[in-house]
Protein backbone atom coordinates (compact mmCIF):
# COMPACT_ATOMS: atom_id res chain seq x y z
CA MET A 1 53.82 81.29 82.63
CA ASN A 2 55.36 79.90 79.48
CA ASN A 3 58.84 80.74 78.56
CA PHE A 4 57.57 82.65 75.92
CA GLU A 5 55.33 84.99 78.72
CA ARG A 6 58.06 85.27 80.81
CA ALA A 7 60.72 86.61 77.43
CA VAL A 8 57.87 88.71 77.18
CA ALA A 9 57.41 90.13 81.00
CA ARG A 10 60.72 90.99 80.68
CA VAL A 11 60.98 92.87 77.19
CA ILE A 12 57.66 95.01 78.78
CA ARG A 13 58.66 96.23 82.21
CA SER A 14 62.40 97.45 80.47
CA ILE A 15 60.30 99.90 78.47
CA PRO A 16 61.41 102.90 80.34
CA ARG A 17 58.62 105.07 81.53
CA GLY A 18 57.05 108.02 79.33
CA SER A 19 58.27 105.25 76.34
CA VAL A 20 56.48 102.72 74.16
CA LEU A 21 56.81 99.25 71.45
CA ALA A 22 54.97 98.35 69.50
CA TYR A 23 53.87 94.65 69.44
CA SER A 24 55.89 93.36 66.94
CA GLN A 25 58.85 94.78 68.92
CA VAL A 26 58.00 93.47 72.10
CA ALA A 27 58.14 89.81 69.46
CA LEU A 28 61.19 90.38 68.18
CA ARG A 29 62.59 91.48 71.35
CA ALA A 30 61.02 88.50 73.56
CA GLY A 31 63.01 85.86 70.59
CA LYS A 32 59.78 85.47 68.23
CA PRO A 33 59.84 87.41 64.94
CA GLY A 34 56.05 88.34 63.66
CA GLY A 35 54.79 87.19 67.28
CA ALA A 36 53.23 90.16 67.16
CA ARG A 37 49.64 88.57 67.55
CA ALA A 38 51.33 85.98 70.15
CA VAL A 39 51.98 89.51 72.97
CA VAL A 40 48.59 89.93 72.47
CA ARG A 41 47.46 86.69 73.86
CA ALA A 42 50.51 86.23 76.44
CA LEU A 43 49.93 90.41 77.67
CA HIS A 44 45.53 88.56 78.46
CA ARG A 45 47.19 86.25 81.06
CA LEU A 46 50.16 88.82 82.91
CA ARG A 47 49.12 90.98 85.07
CA ASP A 48 51.77 92.70 86.73
CA VAL A 49 53.48 94.67 83.97
CA PRO A 50 52.74 97.86 82.18
CA TRP A 51 51.10 96.80 79.77
CA TRP A 52 49.91 100.14 78.51
CA ARG A 53 53.45 100.37 76.68
CA VAL A 54 52.30 98.52 74.21
CA VAL A 55 50.70 99.84 71.15
CA ARG A 56 49.83 98.62 67.68
CA ALA A 57 52.88 99.68 65.13
CA ASP A 58 51.04 102.29 63.39
CA GLN A 59 51.39 103.88 67.88
CA THR A 60 47.29 103.55 67.63
CA LEU A 61 45.97 102.79 71.01
CA ALA A 62 43.35 99.36 70.61
CA PRO A 63 39.65 100.88 70.43
CA GLU A 64 39.04 97.99 73.64
CA ILE A 65 41.72 99.63 76.23
CA ALA A 66 42.54 103.16 74.81
CA LEU A 67 40.64 105.54 77.87
CA GLU A 68 43.05 103.11 80.11
CA GLN A 69 45.78 103.19 78.48
CA SER A 70 45.29 107.25 77.49
CA ARG A 71 45.50 108.01 80.49
CA ARG A 72 47.98 105.69 81.59
CA LEU A 73 50.50 106.92 79.30
CA ARG A 74 49.60 110.78 79.57
CA GLN A 75 49.67 110.02 83.90
CA GLU A 76 53.97 108.99 82.53
CA GLY A 77 54.19 112.22 79.78
CA VAL A 78 52.96 110.76 76.61
CA LEU A 79 51.87 113.25 73.61
CA ILE A 80 48.25 111.18 72.76
CA THR A 81 46.05 112.75 70.28
CA GLY A 82 43.08 110.99 69.97
CA ARG A 83 44.21 107.20 69.85
CA ARG A 84 47.47 108.28 68.37
CA ILE A 85 50.82 108.44 69.79
CA ARG A 86 52.27 111.78 68.77
CA ARG A 87 56.05 111.96 68.69
CA PRO A 88 57.77 114.52 70.08
CA ARG A 89 59.52 116.96 67.59
CA SER A 90 63.40 116.44 67.58
CA SER A 91 65.17 120.47 67.76
CA SER A 92 67.66 121.44 65.46
CA GLY A 93 70.00 123.60 66.67
């Protein structure tokens, strides 16, 4: 495992249950701005991280993994419509 993969693993492990980050956000936090594709490649090698908490920038799930990712995120309480993460509406009052 190289330094970037270790950084990606650390970032992904820090994502709280029921939350998601975009690949680009993970890349930025791992020290490689603009490295979203590098995060995807790293995830193919990382086995012991909650990979399902990483989504596309438009909050959609990748088609290749959508069913399993959706199942795992729903178990954590994430709202999903189709292949898109639904953000809860903030209540004002």
